[in-house]
């Protein structure tokens, strides 16, 4: 019984409580965290891991709860414009009007080579094509190109494209997503008809990796069968398994 509590229940409870604390703190990807958020994650991880090696899990989890509450309060404080600039690092200009700001590079400890590499990743080969590049408080570099270097927009040639339609998943990994079906006011009879039009049925739904509702009101289906693609030069892939 002691082994069960020590090696199964204790880690499970710590994991669930830790997950609750992180969800309580809010949703953020690591790439979107600033130094303030990273401090919270590192400190919380250290506090939460303590109960695994000590006999005082309640005390350690209580510390983690207090730390989480402090983080939430500080996060709310950053919503105030005056306090935000005291708690969060300010954005730093790295390029302005095509000219590299050496002072900004020194402040952010970025080399010219790293800056040029970031510009290449964003599709800009020359610094002279950049109107402004800024190191944001999350550590990412935002790049705004000059007007003559930015991609062509529909408005530039007086085009008005139709609104973007986001395909709605109907089947995913062989399972029907019922709440999306209800949202579209569709039933299984409609779904069966769509599948039959593509030589499929609900009986072999497990073969479907993804089926989405398109703008035209039909289903676009992707199955797990690698042989359902047409053959031809455009479908060549490197290797011997063609």
C-alpha atoms as a PDB file:
ATOM      1  CA  UNK A   1       0.000   0.000   0.000  1.00  0.00           C
ATOM      2  CA  UNK A   2       2.842   2.389   0.862  1.00  0.00           C
ATOM      3  CA  UNK A   3       4.497   1.711  -2.513  1.00  0.00           C
ATOM      4  CA  UNK A   4       1.224   2.469  -4.299  1.00  0.00           C
ATOM      5  CA  UNK A   5       0.831   5.793  -2.459  1.00  0.00           C
ATOM      6  CA  UNK A   6       4.478   6.788  -2.934  1.00  0.00           C
ATOM      7  CA  UNK A   7       5.082   5.853  -6.553  1.00  0.00           C
ATOM      8  CA  UNK A   8       1.618   6.111  -8.132  1.00  0.00           C
ATOM      9  CA  UNK A   9      -0.834   8.270  -6.196  1.00  0.00           C
ATOM     10  CA  UNK A  10       1.669  10.913  -5.060  1.00  0.00           C
ATOM     11  CA  UNK A  11       3.068  11.653  -8.563  1.00  0.00           C
ATOM     12  CA  UNK A  12      -0.471  11.563  -9.995  1.00  0.00           C
ATOM     13  CA  UNK A  13      -1.805  14.096  -7.465  1.00  0.00           C
ATOM     14  CA  UNK A  14       1.231  16.363  -7.965  1.00  0.00           C
ATOM     15  CA  UNK A  15       0.807  16.195 -11.744  1.00  0.00           C
ATOM     16  CA  UNK A  16      -2.903  17.044 -11.607  1.00  0.00           C
ATOM     17  CA  UNK A  17      -2.414  19.917  -9.152  1.00  0.00           C
ATOM     18  CA  UNK A  18       0.519  21.260 -11.194  1.00  0.00           C
ATOM     19  CA  UNK A  19      -1.580  21.132 -14.356  1.00  0.00           C
ATOM     20  CA  UNK A  20      -4.350  23.012 -12.546  1.00  0.00           C
ATOM     21  CA  UNK A  21      -1.908  25.727 -11.451  1.00  0.00           C
ATOM     22  CA  UNK A  22      -0.540  26.191 -14.977  1.00  0.00           C
ATOM     23  CA  UNK A  23      -4.059  26.356 -16.461  1.00  0.00           C
ATOM     24  CA  UNK A  24      -4.964  28.845 -13.749  1.00  0.00           C
ATOM     25  CA  UNK A  25      -2.022  31.019 -14.809  1.00  0.00           C
ATOM     26  CA  UNK A  26      -3.275  31.144 -18.413  1.00  0.00           C
ATOM     27  CA  UNK A  27      -2.418  29.810 -21.862  1.00  0.00           C
ATOM     28  CA  UNK A  28       0.880  30.767 -23.470  1.00  0.00           C
ATOM     29  CA  UNK A  29       3.281  28.963 -25.736  1.00  0.00           C
ATOM     30  CA  UNK A  30       6.927  29.000 -24.674  1.00  0.00           C
ATOM     31  CA  UNK A  31       7.788  31.063 -27.753  1.00  0.00           C
ATOM     32  CA  UNK A  32       5.292  33.723 -26.617  1.00  0.00           C
ATOM     33  CA  UNK A  33       6.624  34.055 -23.071  1.00  0.00           C
ATOM     34  CA  UNK A  34       8.553  37.059 -21.885  1.00  0.00           C
ATOM     35  CA  UNK A  35      11.176  36.935 -19.124  1.00  0.00           C
ATOM     36  CA  UNK A  36       8.473  37.462 -16.498  1.00  0.00           C
ATOM     37  CA  UNK A  37       6.553  34.381 -17.693  1.00  0.00           C
ATOM     38  CA  UNK A  38       9.712  32.261 -17.911  1.00  0.00           C
ATOM     39  CA  UNK A  39      10.543  33.120 -14.296  1.00  0.00           C
ATOM     40  CA  UNK A  40       7.144  31.808 -13.250  1.00  0.00           C
ATOM     41  CA  UNK A  41       7.523  28.525 -15.156  1.00  0.00           C
ATOM     42  CA  UNK A  42      11.051  27.865 -13.837  1.00  0.00           C
ATOM     43  CA  UNK A  43      10.171  28.687 -10.235  1.00  0.00           C
ATOM     44  CA  UNK A  44       6.885  26.779 -10.358  1.00  0.00           C
ATOM     45  CA  UNK A  45       8.632  23.731 -11.813  1.00  0.00           C
ATOM     46  CA  UNK A  46      11.186  23.787  -9.005  1.00  0.00           C
ATOM     47  CA  UNK A  47       8.545  24.134  -6.302  1.00  0.00           C
ATOM     48  CA  UNK A  48       6.291  21.463  -7.776  1.00  0.00           C
ATOM     49  CA  UNK A  49       9.092  18.916  -8.109  1.00  0.00           C
ATOM     50  CA  UNK A  50       9.930  19.273  -4.418  1.00  0.00           C
ATOM     51  CA  UNK A  51       7.088  17.026  -3.145  1.00  0.00           C
ATOM     52  CA  UNK A  52       8.524  14.089  -5.108  1.00  0.00           C
ATOM     53  CA  UNK A  53      11.638  13.991  -2.919  1.00  0.00           C
ATOM     54  CA  UNK A  54      10.312  15.294   0.407  1.00  0.00           C
ATOM     55  CA  UNK A  55       7.740  14.187   2.937  1.00  0.00           C
ATOM     56  CA  UNK A  56       5.924  17.539   2.922  1.00  0.00           C
ATOM     57  CA  UNK A  57       3.963  17.586  -0.359  1.00  0.00           C
ATOM     58  CA  UNK A  58       1.134  19.717   1.080  1.00  0.00           C
ATOM     59  CA  UNK A  59       3.527  22.485   2.116  1.00  0.00           C
ATOM     60  CA  UNK A  60       5.297  22.484  -1.263  1.00  0.00           C
ATOM     61  CA  UNK A  61       2.019  22.557  -3.196  1.00  0.00           C
ATOM     62  CA  UNK A  62       0.811  25.395  -0.961  1.00  0.00           C
ATOM     63  CA  UNK A  63       3.924  27.394  -1.860  1.00  0.00           C
ATOM     64  CA  UNK A  64       3.219  26.688  -5.528  1.00  0.00           C
ATOM     65  CA  UNK A  65      -0.368  27.941  -5.122  1.00  0.00           C
ATOM     66  CA  UNK A  66       0.797  31.170  -3.458  1.00  0.00           C
ATOM     67  CA  UNK A  67       3.420  31.659  -6.189  1.00  0.00           C
ATOM     68  CA  UNK A  68       0.754  31.131  -8.873  1.00  0.00           C
ATOM     69  CA  UNK A  69      -1.537  33.701  -7.251  1.00  0.00           C
ATOM     70  CA  UNK A  70       1.332  36.223  -7.114  1.00  0.00           C
ATOM     71  CA  UNK A  71       2.030  35.592 -10.802  1.00  0.00           C
ATOM     72  CA  UNK A  72      -1.631  36.142 -11.703  1.00  0.00           C
ATOM     73  CA  UNK A  73      -1.681  39.417  -9.760  1.00  0.00           C
ATOM     74  CA  UNK A  74       1.465  40.617 -11.514  1.00  0.00           C
ATOM     75  CA  UNK A  75      -0.015  39.546 -14.868  1.00  0.00           C
ATOM     76  CA  UNK A  76      -3.105  41.634 -14.133  1.00  0.00           C
ATOM     77  CA  UNK A  77      -0.828  44.539 -13.220  1.00  0.00           C
ATOM     78  CA  UNK A  78       0.783  44.383 -16.663  1.00  0.00           C
ATOM     79  CA  UNK A  79      -2.613  45.216 -18.182  1.00  0.00           C
ATOM     80  CA  UNK A  80      -2.147  48.710 -16.785  1.00  0.00           C
ATOM     81  CA  UNK A  81      -0.151  50.715 -19.333  1.00  0.00           C
ATOM     82  CA  UNK A  82       1.875  52.568 -16.692  1.00  0.00           C
ATOM     83  CA  UNK A  83       2.824  49.448 -14.750  1.00  0.00           C
ATOM     84  CA  UNK A  84       3.454  47.366 -17.865  1.00  0.00           C
ATOM     85  CA  UNK A  85       6.561  49.326 -18.836  1.00  0.00           C
ATOM     86  CA  UNK A  86       7.968  48.761 -15.348  1.00  0.00           C
ATOM     87  CA  UNK A  87       7.358  45.004 -15.345  1.00  0.00           C
ATOM     88  CA  UNK A  88       7.893  44.036 -18.995  1.00  0.00           C
ATOM     89  CA  UNK A  89      10.918  44.737 -21.176  1.00  0.00           C
ATOM     90  CA  UNK A  90      10.348  47.374 -23.852  1.00  0.00           C
ATOM     91  CA  UNK A  91      10.604  46.464 -27.567  1.00  0.00           C
ATOM     92  CA  UNK A  92      13.981  47.332 -29.097  1.00  0.00           C
ATOM     93  CA  UNK A  93      14.482  48.675 -32.621  1.00  0.00           C
ATOM     94  CA  UNK A  94      17.094  46.695 -34.579  1.00  0.00           C
ATOM     95  CA  UNK A  95      16.604  48.172 -38.070  1.00  0.00           C
ATOM     96  CA  UNK A  96      14.988  51.447 -39.054  1.00  0.00           C
ATOM     97  CA  UNK A  97      14.581  52.587 -42.670  1.00  0.00           C
ATOM     98  CA  UNK A  98      17.017  49.916 -43.862  1.00  0.00           C
ATOM     99  CA  UNK A  99      19.760  50.999 -41.438  1.00  0.00           C
ATOM    100  CA  UNK A 100      20.941  48.618 -38.709  1.00  0.00           C
ATOM    101  CA  UNK A 101      20.729  50.088 -35.205  1.00  0.00           C
ATOM    102  CA  UNK A 102      23.988  48.960 -33.605  1.00  0.00           C
ATOM    103  CA  UNK A 103      22.891  50.224 -30.192  1.00  0.00           C
ATOM    104  CA  UNK A 104      19.808  48.015 -30.411  1.00  0.00           C
ATOM    105  CA  UNK A 105      21.963  44.990 -31.303  1.00  0.00           C
ATOM    106  CA  UNK A 106      24.197  45.588 -28.286  1.00  0.00           C
ATOM    107  CA  UNK A 107      21.201  46.009 -25.996  1.00  0.00           C
ATOM    108  CA  UNK A 108      19.598  42.738 -27.119  1.00  0.00           C
ATOM    109  CA  UNK A 109      22.978  40.939 -27.425  1.00  0.00           C
ATOM    110  CA  UNK A 110      22.275  39.919 -31.022  1.00  0.00           C
ATOM    111  CA  UNK A 111      25.036  39.708 -33.597  1.00  0.00           C
ATOM    112  CA  UNK A 112      24.672  41.123 -37.080  1.00  0.00           C
ATOM    113  CA  UNK A 113      24.887  37.586 -38.442  1.00  0.00           C
ATOM    114  CA  UNK A 114      21.975  36.451 -36.264  1.00  0.00           C
ATOM    115  CA  UNK A 115      19.916  39.436 -37.386  1.00  0.00           C
ATOM    116  CA  UNK A 116      20.594  38.734 -41.065  1.00  0.00           C
ATOM    117  CA  UNK A 117      19.744  35.060 -40.515  1.00  0.00           C
ATOM    118  CA  UNK A 118      16.375  36.045 -39.005  1.00  0.00           C
ATOM    119  CA  UNK A 119      15.653  38.329 -41.958  1.00  0.00           C
ATOM    120  CA  UNK A 120      16.400  35.474 -44.372  1.00  0.00           C
ATOM    121  CA  UNK A 121      14.000  33.200 -42.474  1.00  0.00           C
ATOM    122  CA  UNK A 122      11.300  35.826 -42.929  1.00  0.00           C
ATOM    123  CA  UNK A 123      12.034  36.123 -46.654  1.00  0.00           C
ATOM    124  CA  UNK A 124      14.158  39.277 -46.815  1.00  0.00           C
ATOM    125  CA  UNK A 125      17.678  39.070 -48.205  1.00  0.00           C
ATOM    126  CA  UNK A 126      18.625  42.727 -47.784  1.00  0.00           C
ATOM    127  CA  UNK A 127      18.392  45.004 -44.764  1.00  0.00           C
ATOM    128  CA  UNK A 128      17.598  47.873 -47.131  1.00  0.00           C
ATOM    129  CA  UNK A 129      14.234  46.202 -47.857  1.00  0.00           C
ATOM    130  CA  UNK A 130      13.212  46.540 -44.200  1.00  0.00           C
ATOM    131  CA  UNK A 131      11.317  49.569 -42.931  1.00  0.00           C
ATOM    132  CA  UNK A 132      11.615  48.531 -39.294  1.00  0.00           C
ATOM    133  CA  UNK A 133      12.678  45.421 -37.367  1.00  0.00           C
ATOM    134  CA  UNK A 134      11.903  45.183 -33.667  1.00  0.00           C
ATOM    135  CA  UNK A 135      12.851  42.758 -30.921  1.00  0.00           C
ATOM    136  CA  UNK A 136       9.552  42.249 -29.092  1.00  0.00           C
ATOM    137  CA  UNK A 137       9.240  41.694 -25.346  1.00  0.00           C
ATOM    138  CA  UNK A 138       8.669  37.946 -26.009  1.00  0.00           C
ATOM    139  CA  UNK A 139      12.086  37.679 -27.672  1.00  0.00           C
ATOM    140  CA  UNK A 140      10.767  37.440 -31.239  1.00  0.00           C
ATOM    141  CA  UNK A 141      11.876  39.755 -34.037  1.00  0.00           C
ATOM    142  CA  UNK A 142       9.080  41.468 -35.961  1.00  0.00           C
ATOM    143  CA  UNK A 143       9.915  42.666 -39.467  1.00  0.00           C
ATOM    144  CA  UNK A 144       7.912  45.200 -41.461  1.00  0.00           C
ATOM    145  CA  UNK A 145       9.168  45.592 -45.048  1.00  0.00           C
ATOM    146  CA  UNK A 146       9.247  48.757 -47.084  1.00  0.00           C
ATOM    147  CA  UNK A 147       6.289  49.358 -49.370  1.00  0.00           C
ATOM    148  CA  UNK A 148       8.252  48.419 -52.508  1.00  0.00           C
ATOM    149  CA  UNK A 149       9.514  45.173 -50.948  1.00  0.00           C
ATOM    150  CA  UNK A 150       6.351  43.774 -49.420  1.00  0.00           C
ATOM    151  CA  UNK A 151       4.315  41.011 -51.094  1.00  0.00           C
ATOM    152  CA  UNK A 152       1.683  42.092 -53.591  1.00  0.00           C
ATOM    153  CA  UNK A 153      -1.742  42.571 -51.994  1.00  0.00           C
ATOM    154  CA  UNK A 154      -5.132  42.176 -53.744  1.00  0.00           C
ATOM    155  CA  UNK A 155      -5.904  45.830 -53.020  1.00  0.00           C
ATOM    156  CA  UNK A 156      -2.800  46.833 -54.981  1.00  0.00           C
ATOM    157  CA  UNK A 157      -4.439  45.635 -58.198  1.00  0.00           C
ATOM    158  CA  UNK A 158      -8.004  46.561 -57.230  1.00  0.00           C
ATOM    159  CA  UNK A 159      -9.136  43.018 -56.463  1.00  0.00           C
ATOM    160  CA  UNK A 160     -11.691  42.119 -53.814  1.00  0.00           C
ATOM    161  CA  UNK A 161     -11.239  38.448 -52.903  1.00  0.00           C
ATOM    162  CA  UNK A 162     -14.070  36.537 -51.303  1.00  0.00           C
ATOM    163  CA  UNK A 163     -13.938  36.054 -47.530  1.00  0.00           C
ATOM    164  CA  UNK A 164     -11.637  33.293 -46.316  1.00  0.00           C
ATOM    165  CA  UNK A 165     -13.493  30.077 -45.499  1.00  0.00           C
ATOM    166  CA  UNK A 166     -12.057  27.845 -42.792  1.00  0.00           C
ATOM    167  CA  UNK A 167     -12.789  24.158 -43.554  1.00  0.00           C
ATOM    168  CA  UNK A 168     -14.724  22.540 -40.702  1.00  0.00           C
ATOM    169  CA  UNK A 169     -13.548  19.072 -39.568  1.00  0.00           C
ATOM    170  CA  UNK A 170     -16.306  16.459 -39.812  1.00  0.00           C
ATOM    171  CA  UNK A 171     -14.252  13.273 -39.422  1.00  0.00           C
ATOM    172  CA  UNK A 172     -10.876  13.111 -37.733  1.00  0.00           C
ATOM    173  CA  UNK A 173      -8.825   9.941 -37.255  1.00  0.00           C
ATOM    174  CA  UNK A 174     -11.840   7.776 -38.043  1.00  0.00           C
ATOM    175  CA  UNK A 175     -14.187   9.489 -35.588  1.00  0.00           C
ATOM    176  CA  UNK A 176     -17.175  11.707 -36.413  1.00  0.00           C
ATOM    177  CA  UNK A 177     -17.025  15.137 -34.755  1.00  0.00           C
ATOM    178  CA  UNK A 178     -20.655  15.359 -33.708  1.00  0.00           C
ATOM    179  CA  UNK A 179     -20.650  18.921 -32.372  1.00  0.00           C
ATOM    180  CA  UNK A 180     -19.483  20.181 -35.790  1.00  0.00           C
ATOM    181  CA  UNK A 181     -22.195  18.133 -37.469  1.00  0.00           C
ATOM    182  CA  UNK A 182     -24.768  19.710 -35.150  1.00  0.00           C
ATOM    183  CA  UNK A 183     -23.338  23.174 -35.829  1.00  0.00           C
ATOM    184  CA  UNK A 184     -23.813  22.642 -39.579  1.00  0.00           C
ATOM    185  CA  UNK A 185     -27.244  21.083 -39.020  1.00  0.00           C
ATOM    186  CA  UNK A 186     -26.168  17.907 -40.829  1.00  0.00           C
ATOM    187  CA  UNK A 187     -27.099  14.314 -40.033  1.00  0.00           C
ATOM    188  CA  UNK A 188     -25.608  10.897 -40.744  1.00  0.00           C
ATOM    189  CA  UNK A 189     -27.777  10.491 -43.839  1.00  0.00           C
ATOM    190  CA  UNK A 190     -26.066  13.548 -45.368  1.00  0.00           C
ATOM    191  CA  UNK A 191     -22.682  12.223 -44.299  1.00  0.00           C
ATOM    192  CA  UNK A 192     -23.381   8.806 -45.786  1.00  0.00           C
ATOM    193  CA  UNK A 193     -24.381  10.446 -49.067  1.00  0.00           C
ATOM    194  CA  UNK A 194     -21.163  12.478 -49.162  1.00  0.00           C
ATOM    195  CA  UNK A 195     -19.061   9.385 -48.502  1.00  0.00           C
ATOM    196  CA  UNK A 196     -20.900   7.310 -51.146  1.00  0.00           C
ATOM    197  CA  UNK A 197     -20.241  10.030 -53.733  1.00  0.00           C
ATOM    198  CA  UNK A 198     -16.537   9.319 -53.173  1.00  0.00           C
ATOM    199  CA  UNK A 199     -16.907   5.506 -53.138  1.00  0.00           C
ATOM    200  CA  UNK A 200     -16.788   5.267 -49.356  1.00  0.00           C
ATOM    201  CA  UNK A 201     -19.237   4.571 -46.556  1.00  0.00           C
ATOM    202  CA  UNK A 202     -19.616   4.797 -42.793  1.00  0.00           C
ATOM    203  CA  UNK A 203     -18.449   1.186 -42.593  1.00  0.00           C
ATOM    204  CA  UNK A 204     -14.882   2.101 -43.579  1.00  0.00           C
ATOM    205  CA  UNK A 205     -14.786   5.432 -41.756  1.00  0.00           C
ATOM    206  CA  UNK A 206     -11.736   4.224 -39.833  1.00  0.00           C
ATOM    207  CA  UNK A 207      -9.718   4.681 -43.044  1.00  0.00           C
ATOM    208  CA  UNK A 208     -10.372   8.433 -43.028  1.00  0.00           C
ATOM    209  CA  UNK A 209      -7.657  10.574 -41.475  1.00  0.00           C
ATOM    210  CA  UNK A 210      -9.471  13.854 -42.060  1.00  0.00           C
ATOM    211  CA  UNK A 211     -12.707  14.894 -43.760  1.00  0.00           C
ATOM    212  CA  UNK A 212     -13.622  18.572 -43.816  1.00  0.00           C
ATOM    213  CA  UNK A 213     -16.707  20.540 -44.842  1.00  0.00           C
ATOM    214  CA  UNK A 214     -15.726  22.828 -47.707  1.00  0.00           C
ATOM    215  CA  UNK A 215     -17.028  26.182 -48.912  1.00  0.00           C
ATOM    216  CA  UNK A 216     -18.946  24.354 -51.679  1.00  0.00           C
ATOM    217  CA  UNK A 217     -20.859  22.292 -49.098  1.00  0.00           C
ATOM    218  CA  UNK A 218     -19.074  19.017 -49.856  1.00  0.00           C
ATOM    219  CA  UNK A 219     -16.532  16.856 -48.069  1.00  0.00           C
ATOM    220  CA  UNK A 220     -12.803  16.922 -48.787  1.00  0.00           C
ATOM    221  CA  UNK A 221     -11.468  13.538 -47.662  1.00  0.00           C
ATOM    222  CA  UNK A 222      -7.936  12.452 -46.864  1.00  0.00           C
ATOM    223  CA  UNK A 223      -7.520   8.742 -46.111  1.00  0.00           C
ATOM    224  CA  UNK A 224      -4.661   6.773 -44.601  1.00  0.00           C
ATOM    225  CA  UNK A 225      -4.165   4.908 -47.890  1.00  0.00           C
ATOM    226  CA  UNK A 226      -0.919   6.140 -49.518  1.00  0.00           C
ATOM    227  CA  UNK A 227      -2.029   4.655 -52.857  1.00  0.00           C
ATOM    228  CA  UNK A 228      -5.032   6.913 -53.304  1.00  0.00           C
ATOM    229  CA  UNK A 229      -2.936   9.548 -55.070  1.00  0.00           C
ATOM    230  CA  UNK A 230      -2.541   9.751 -58.810  1.00  0.00           C
ATOM    231  CA  UNK A 231       0.736   8.686 -60.323  1.00  0.00           C
ATOM    232  CA  UNK A 232       2.922  10.926 -62.411  1.00  0.00           C
ATOM    233  CA  UNK A 233       6.098  12.997 -62.339  1.00  0.00           C
ATOM    234  CA  UNK A 234       4.511  15.559 -60.023  1.00  0.00           C
ATOM    235  CA  UNK A 235       4.036  12.876 -57.339  1.00  0.00           C
ATOM    236  CA  UNK A 236       7.685  11.756 -57.321  1.00  0.00           C
ATOM    237  CA  UNK A 237       9.342  11.474 -53.928  1.00  0.00           C
ATOM    238  CA  UNK A 238      13.038  10.833 -53.229  1.00  0.00           C
ATOM    239  CA  UNK A 239      14.027   7.248 -52.514  1.00  0.00           C
ATOM    240  CA  UNK A 240      13.261   3.826 -53.934  1.00  0.00           C
ATOM    241  CA  UNK A 241       9.651   3.487 -52.704  1.00  0.00           C
ATOM    242  CA  UNK A 242       7.925   5.161 -55.671  1.00  0.00           C
END
